[in-house]
Amino acid sequence: MAHLGSHHRSIFLAVGIFETAVTPAATLSWIALMALPPLVASAVIRFGLLPGVTAPPKKFIFFLLGLALAESGGFFALILSSPWKTPLAAAALVLIIICIPAFIIRRP
């Protein structure tokens, strides 16, 4: 039983290491905004390139690229940008949801 207690203590100590206060200078750092370029690129692909492509193989490539960029932006938002985690992750989720019907729904 003593070993179990020391194990929980080490997990608590490891978790406590990463808990840091967010300072005003950290909110504008480039690491906090690292999720923004993939999200913007995904939106440009979704609304700029994908509607104009008619060939299914090319459309599938742009679909995968836009989806991958939205997912990577969401990953960066959740992992790296702690002050802006919620809005950037929500933008990534919206881009993922919006990108999927663009390839699945066929327009005559």
N, C-alpha and C. Protein backbone atom coordinates (compact mmCIF):
# COMPACT_ATOMS: atom_id res chain seq x y z
N MET A 1 0.81 -1.20 0.00
CA MET A 1 0.00 0.00 0.00
C MET A 1 0.85 1.26 0.00
N ALA A 2 2.05 1.19 0.62
CA ALA A 2 2.93 2.35 0.65
C ALA A 2 3.42 2.69 -0.76
N HIS A 3 3.63 1.66 -1.57
CA HIS A 3 4.10 1.89 -2.93
C HIS A 3 3.03 2.63 -3.75
N LEU A 4 1.76 2.29 -3.55
CA LEU A 4 0.68 2.94 -4.27
C LEU A 4 0.60 4.42 -3.93
N GLY A 5 0.81 4.75 -2.68
CA GLY A 5 0.79 6.15 -2.27
C GLY A 5 1.92 6.95 -2.88
N SER A 6 3.10 6.38 -2.95
CA SER A 6 4.22 7.10 -3.55
C SER A 6 4.02 7.28 -5.05
N HIS A 7 3.34 6.31 -5.70
CA HIS A 7 3.06 6.43 -7.12
C HIS A 7 2.11 7.61 -7.37
N HIS A 8 1.07 7.73 -6.57
CA HIS A 8 0.14 8.85 -6.74
C HIS A 8 0.83 10.17 -6.46
N ARG A 9 1.74 10.20 -5.51
CA ARG A 9 2.46 11.42 -5.20
C ARG A 9 3.34 11.84 -6.40
N SER A 10 3.95 10.88 -7.07
CA SER A 10 4.79 11.23 -8.21
C SER A 10 3.95 11.74 -9.38
N ILE A 11 2.77 11.19 -9.57
CA ILE A 11 1.89 11.70 -10.63
C ILE A 11 1.47 13.12 -10.30
N PHE A 12 1.14 13.37 -9.04
CA PHE A 12 0.74 14.72 -8.64
C PHE A 12 1.88 15.71 -8.85
N LEU A 13 3.07 15.32 -8.50
CA LEU A 13 4.22 16.20 -8.68
C LEU A 13 4.49 16.46 -10.16
N ALA A 14 4.33 15.43 -10.99
CA ALA A 14 4.56 15.62 -12.42
C ALA A 14 3.51 16.54 -13.02
N VAL A 15 2.27 16.42 -12.58
CA VAL A 15 1.23 17.30 -13.10
C VAL A 15 1.45 18.72 -12.62
N GLY A 16 1.89 18.88 -11.38
CA GLY A 16 2.11 20.20 -10.82
C GLY A 16 3.21 20.98 -11.51
N ILE A 17 4.12 20.30 -12.17
CA ILE A 17 5.23 20.97 -12.84
C ILE A 17 4.71 21.83 -14.00
N PHE A 18 3.71 21.35 -14.70
CA PHE A 18 3.25 22.03 -15.90
C PHE A 18 2.20 23.10 -15.64
N GLU A 19 1.79 23.26 -14.42
CA GLU A 19 0.80 24.28 -14.10
C GLU A 19 1.51 25.61 -13.91
N THR A 20 1.35 26.52 -14.87
CA THR A 20 1.99 27.82 -14.79
C THR A 20 0.93 28.89 -14.97
N ALA A 21 1.17 30.03 -14.42
CA ALA A 21 0.25 31.15 -14.57
C ALA A 21 0.48 31.80 -15.93
N VAL A 22 -0.61 32.26 -16.54
CA VAL A 22 -0.52 32.93 -17.83
C VAL A 22 -0.30 34.41 -17.59
N THR A 23 0.78 34.91 -18.08
CA THR A 23 1.09 36.33 -17.94
C THR A 23 0.60 37.08 -19.17
N PRO A 24 0.38 38.39 -19.06
CA PRO A 24 -0.06 39.15 -20.25
C PRO A 24 0.91 39.06 -21.41
N ALA A 25 2.21 38.96 -21.14
CA ALA A 25 3.19 38.84 -22.22
C ALA A 25 3.06 37.51 -22.94
N ALA A 26 2.63 36.46 -22.22
CA ALA A 26 2.52 35.14 -22.83
C ALA A 26 1.31 35.05 -23.75
N THR A 27 0.31 35.90 -23.58
CA THR A 27 -0.89 35.81 -24.41
C THR A 27 -0.62 36.22 -25.84
N LEU A 28 0.41 37.03 -26.08
CA LEU A 28 0.71 37.49 -27.43
C LEU A 28 1.94 36.80 -28.02
N SER A 29 2.36 35.72 -27.43
CA SER A 29 3.56 35.06 -27.95
C SER A 29 3.24 34.31 -29.25
N TRP A 30 4.27 34.05 -30.02
CA TRP A 30 4.07 33.36 -31.30
C TRP A 30 3.68 31.90 -31.08
N ILE A 31 4.05 31.33 -29.95
CA ILE A 31 3.65 29.95 -29.67
C ILE A 31 2.15 29.87 -29.42
N ALA A 32 1.59 30.89 -28.78
CA ALA A 32 0.16 30.91 -28.53
C ALA A 32 -0.63 31.02 -29.83
N LEU A 33 -0.04 31.65 -30.84
CA LEU A 33 -0.74 31.84 -32.12
C LEU A 33 -0.31 30.84 -33.19
N MET A 34 0.37 29.79 -32.80
CA MET A 34 0.86 28.82 -33.77
C MET A 34 -0.27 28.04 -34.45
N ALA A 35 -1.43 28.00 -33.84
CA ALA A 35 -2.57 27.29 -34.43
C ALA A 35 -3.26 28.11 -35.51
N LEU A 36 -3.01 29.39 -35.55
CA LEU A 36 -3.74 30.25 -36.49
C LEU A 36 -3.40 30.01 -37.97
N PRO A 37 -2.13 29.89 -38.38
CA PRO A 37 -1.85 29.67 -39.82
C PRO A 37 -2.49 28.41 -40.41
N PRO A 38 -2.45 27.24 -39.73
CA PRO A 38 -3.14 26.10 -40.34
C PRO A 38 -4.65 26.28 -40.44
N LEU A 39 -5.23 26.99 -39.48
CA LEU A 39 -6.68 27.23 -39.54
C LEU A 39 -7.03 28.17 -40.68
N VAL A 40 -6.23 29.20 -40.88
CA VAL A 40 -6.48 30.13 -41.99
C VAL A 40 -6.27 29.43 -43.33
N ALA A 41 -5.23 28.62 -43.44
CA ALA A 41 -4.99 27.88 -44.68
C ALA A 41 -6.12 26.90 -44.96
N SER A 42 -6.64 26.26 -43.93
CA SER A 42 -7.78 25.35 -44.11
C SER A 42 -9.02 26.10 -44.59
N ALA A 43 -9.25 27.28 -44.05
CA ALA A 43 -10.40 28.08 -44.48
C ALA A 43 -10.23 28.55 -45.93
N VAL A 44 -9.02 28.92 -46.31
CA VAL A 44 -8.76 29.34 -47.69
C VAL A 44 -9.00 28.17 -48.65
N ILE A 45 -8.54 26.99 -48.28
CA ILE A 45 -8.76 25.82 -49.13
C ILE A 45 -10.24 25.50 -49.22
N ARG A 46 -10.94 25.56 -48.08
CA ARG A 46 -12.35 25.20 -48.07
C ARG A 46 -13.21 26.17 -48.87
N PHE A 47 -12.99 27.47 -48.67
CA PHE A 47 -13.86 28.45 -49.30
C PHE A 47 -13.28 29.03 -50.59
N GLY A 48 -11.99 28.90 -50.81
CA GLY A 48 -11.39 29.46 -52.02
C GLY A 48 -11.11 28.45 -53.10
N LEU A 49 -10.51 27.33 -52.74
CA LEU A 49 -10.08 26.36 -53.74
C LEU A 49 -11.08 25.23 -53.98
N LEU A 50 -11.62 24.69 -52.91
CA LEU A 50 -12.46 23.49 -53.03
C LEU A 50 -13.72 23.69 -53.86
N PRO A 51 -14.44 24.82 -53.76
CA PRO A 51 -15.64 24.96 -54.60
C PRO A 51 -15.35 25.04 -56.10
N GLY A 52 -14.17 25.52 -56.48
CA GLY A 52 -13.85 25.66 -57.90
C GLY A 52 -13.30 24.41 -58.56
N VAL A 53 -12.90 23.43 -57.78
CA VAL A 53 -12.32 22.21 -58.34
C VAL A 53 -13.44 21.25 -58.71
N THR A 54 -13.40 20.74 -59.95
CA THR A 54 -14.46 19.84 -60.40
C THR A 54 -14.00 18.39 -60.54
N ALA A 55 -12.72 18.19 -60.78
CA ALA A 55 -12.20 16.83 -60.95
C ALA A 55 -12.14 16.13 -59.58
N PRO A 56 -12.79 14.96 -59.47
CA PRO A 56 -12.83 14.28 -58.16
C PRO A 56 -11.46 13.96 -57.55
N PRO A 57 -10.44 13.52 -58.33
CA PRO A 57 -9.15 13.25 -57.67
C PRO A 57 -8.51 14.51 -57.06
N LYS A 58 -8.57 15.62 -57.80
CA LYS A 58 -8.02 16.87 -57.28
C LYS A 58 -8.85 17.37 -56.09
N LYS A 59 -10.16 17.23 -56.19
CA LYS A 59 -11.03 17.67 -55.10
C LYS A 59 -10.75 16.87 -53.84
N PHE A 60 -10.48 15.58 -53.98
CA PHE A 60 -10.18 14.73 -52.83
C PHE A 60 -8.86 15.15 -52.17
N ILE A 61 -7.87 15.52 -52.98
CA ILE A 61 -6.59 15.97 -52.44
C ILE A 61 -6.76 17.26 -51.65
N PHE A 62 -7.50 18.23 -52.21
CA PHE A 62 -7.74 19.47 -51.48
C PHE A 62 -8.59 19.24 -50.23
N PHE A 63 -9.54 18.31 -50.32
CA PHE A 63 -10.35 17.96 -49.15
C PHE A 63 -9.47 17.42 -48.03
N LEU A 64 -8.59 16.48 -48.36
CA LEU A 64 -7.70 15.92 -47.33
C LEU A 64 -6.74 16.97 -46.78
N LEU A 65 -6.23 17.82 -47.63
CA LEU A 65 -5.31 18.86 -47.18
C LEU A 65 -6.02 19.84 -46.24
N GLY A 66 -7.21 20.28 -46.60
CA GLY A 66 -7.97 21.19 -45.73
C GLY A 66 -8.35 20.55 -44.41
N LEU A 67 -8.73 19.28 -44.46
CA LEU A 67 -9.08 18.57 -43.23
C LEU A 67 -7.86 18.38 -42.35
N ALA A 68 -6.73 18.03 -42.94
CA ALA A 68 -5.51 17.83 -42.15
C ALA A 68 -5.03 19.15 -41.53
N LEU A 69 -5.14 20.23 -42.26
CA LEU A 69 -4.74 21.52 -41.70
C LEU A 69 -5.66 21.94 -40.55
N ALA A 70 -6.96 21.70 -40.69
CA ALA A 70 -7.88 22.03 -39.60
C ALA A 70 -7.60 21.18 -38.37
N GLU A 71 -7.31 19.89 -38.59
CA GLU A 71 -6.99 19.03 -37.45
C GLU A 71 -5.68 19.43 -36.79
N SER A 72 -4.67 19.77 -37.58
CA SER A 72 -3.39 20.18 -36.98
C SER A 72 -3.54 21.51 -36.25
N GLY A 73 -4.36 22.40 -36.78
CA GLY A 73 -4.63 23.65 -36.05
C GLY A 73 -5.33 23.40 -34.74
N GLY A 74 -6.26 22.45 -34.72
CA GLY A 74 -6.92 22.09 -33.47
C GLY A 74 -5.96 21.45 -32.48
N PHE A 75 -5.07 20.63 -32.99
CA PHE A 75 -4.06 20.01 -32.12
C PHE A 75 -3.14 21.06 -31.52
N PHE A 76 -2.66 21.98 -32.35
CA PHE A 76 -1.81 23.05 -31.84
C PHE A 76 -2.56 23.92 -30.83
N ALA A 77 -3.84 24.18 -31.08
CA ALA A 77 -4.62 24.99 -30.16
C ALA A 77 -4.76 24.31 -28.81
N LEU A 78 -5.01 23.03 -28.82
CA LEU A 78 -5.19 22.33 -27.55
C LEU A 78 -3.89 22.13 -26.79
N ILE A 79 -2.81 21.96 -27.49
CA ILE A 79 -1.54 21.65 -26.83
C ILE A 79 -0.73 22.91 -26.52
N LEU A 80 -0.62 23.83 -27.46
CA LEU A 80 0.33 24.92 -27.32
C LEU A 80 -0.25 26.26 -26.88
N SER A 81 -1.42 26.58 -27.30
CA SER A 81 -1.93 27.94 -27.07
C SER A 81 -2.91 27.97 -25.90
N SER A 82 -2.40 27.90 -24.71
CA SER A 82 -3.26 27.83 -23.53
C SER A 82 -4.13 29.06 -23.33
N PRO A 83 -3.70 30.30 -23.60
CA PRO A 83 -4.62 31.41 -23.36
C PRO A 83 -5.79 31.44 -24.34
N TRP A 84 -5.57 31.00 -25.57
CA TRP A 84 -6.62 31.05 -26.60
C TRP A 84 -7.07 29.66 -26.99
N LYS A 85 -7.01 28.73 -26.08
CA LYS A 85 -7.31 27.33 -26.38
C LYS A 85 -8.74 27.15 -26.87
N THR A 86 -9.69 27.69 -26.17
CA THR A 86 -11.10 27.45 -26.50
C THR A 86 -11.51 28.04 -27.84
N PRO A 87 -11.24 29.32 -28.14
CA PRO A 87 -11.69 29.83 -29.44
C PRO A 87 -11.00 29.19 -30.64
N LEU A 88 -9.70 28.89 -30.50
CA LEU A 88 -9.00 28.26 -31.63
C LEU A 88 -9.43 26.81 -31.83
N ALA A 89 -9.67 26.09 -30.74
CA ALA A 89 -10.16 24.72 -30.87
C ALA A 89 -11.58 24.70 -31.44
N ALA A 90 -12.39 25.67 -31.06
CA ALA A 90 -13.74 25.77 -31.62
C ALA A 90 -13.69 26.09 -33.11
N ALA A 91 -12.76 26.98 -33.51
CA ALA A 91 -12.61 27.29 -34.94
C ALA A 91 -12.15 26.06 -35.71
N ALA A 92 -11.26 25.26 -35.12
CA ALA A 92 -10.82 24.03 -35.78
C ALA A 92 -11.97 23.05 -35.94
N LEU A 93 -12.78 22.91 -34.91
CA LEU A 93 -13.93 22.00 -34.97
C LEU A 93 -14.92 22.46 -36.04
N VAL A 94 -15.17 23.74 -36.11
CA VAL A 94 -16.08 24.27 -37.13
C VAL A 94 -15.53 24.02 -38.53
N LEU A 95 -14.23 24.22 -38.72
CA LEU A 95 -13.63 23.98 -40.04
C LEU A 95 -13.66 22.50 -40.42
N ILE A 96 -13.49 21.63 -39.45
CA ILE A 96 -13.58 20.19 -39.73
C ILE A 96 -15.00 19.83 -40.15
N ILE A 97 -15.98 20.34 -39.42
CA ILE A 97 -17.38 20.03 -39.73
C ILE A 97 -17.79 20.64 -41.07
N ILE A 98 -17.32 21.84 -41.38
CA ILE A 98 -17.68 22.50 -42.64
C ILE A 98 -16.98 21.86 -43.83
N CYS A 99 -15.78 21.35 -43.62
CA CYS A 99 -14.99 20.81 -44.74
C CYS A 99 -15.53 19.47 -45.24
N ILE A 100 -16.11 18.68 -44.36
CA ILE A 100 -16.56 17.34 -44.75
C ILE A 100 -17.67 17.37 -45.79
N PRO A 101 -18.75 18.15 -45.62
CA PRO A 101 -19.80 18.13 -46.66
C PRO A 101 -19.36 18.68 -48.01
N ALA A 102 -18.31 19.47 -48.05
CA ALA A 102 -17.85 20.02 -49.32
C ALA A 102 -17.39 18.95 -50.27
N PHE A 103 -16.92 17.83 -49.77
CA PHE A 103 -16.48 16.76 -50.64
C PHE A 103 -17.56 15.70 -50.81
N ILE A 104 -18.35 15.45 -49.78
CA ILE A 104 -19.33 14.37 -49.82
C ILE A 104 -20.54 14.74 -50.68
N ILE A 105 -21.05 15.96 -50.53
CA ILE A 105 -22.25 16.37 -51.26
C ILE A 105 -21.88 16.73 -52.69
N ARG A 106 -22.53 16.08 -53.62
CA ARG A 106 -22.29 16.36 -55.04
C ARG A 106 -23.34 17.35 -55.54
N ARG A 107 -22.84 18.34 -56.22
CA ARG A 107 -23.76 19.34 -56.78
C ARG A 107 -23.87 19.09 -58.29
N PRO A 108 -25.08 19.19 -58.83
CA PRO A 108 -25.25 18.93 -60.27
C PRO A 108 -24.69 20.04 -61.13
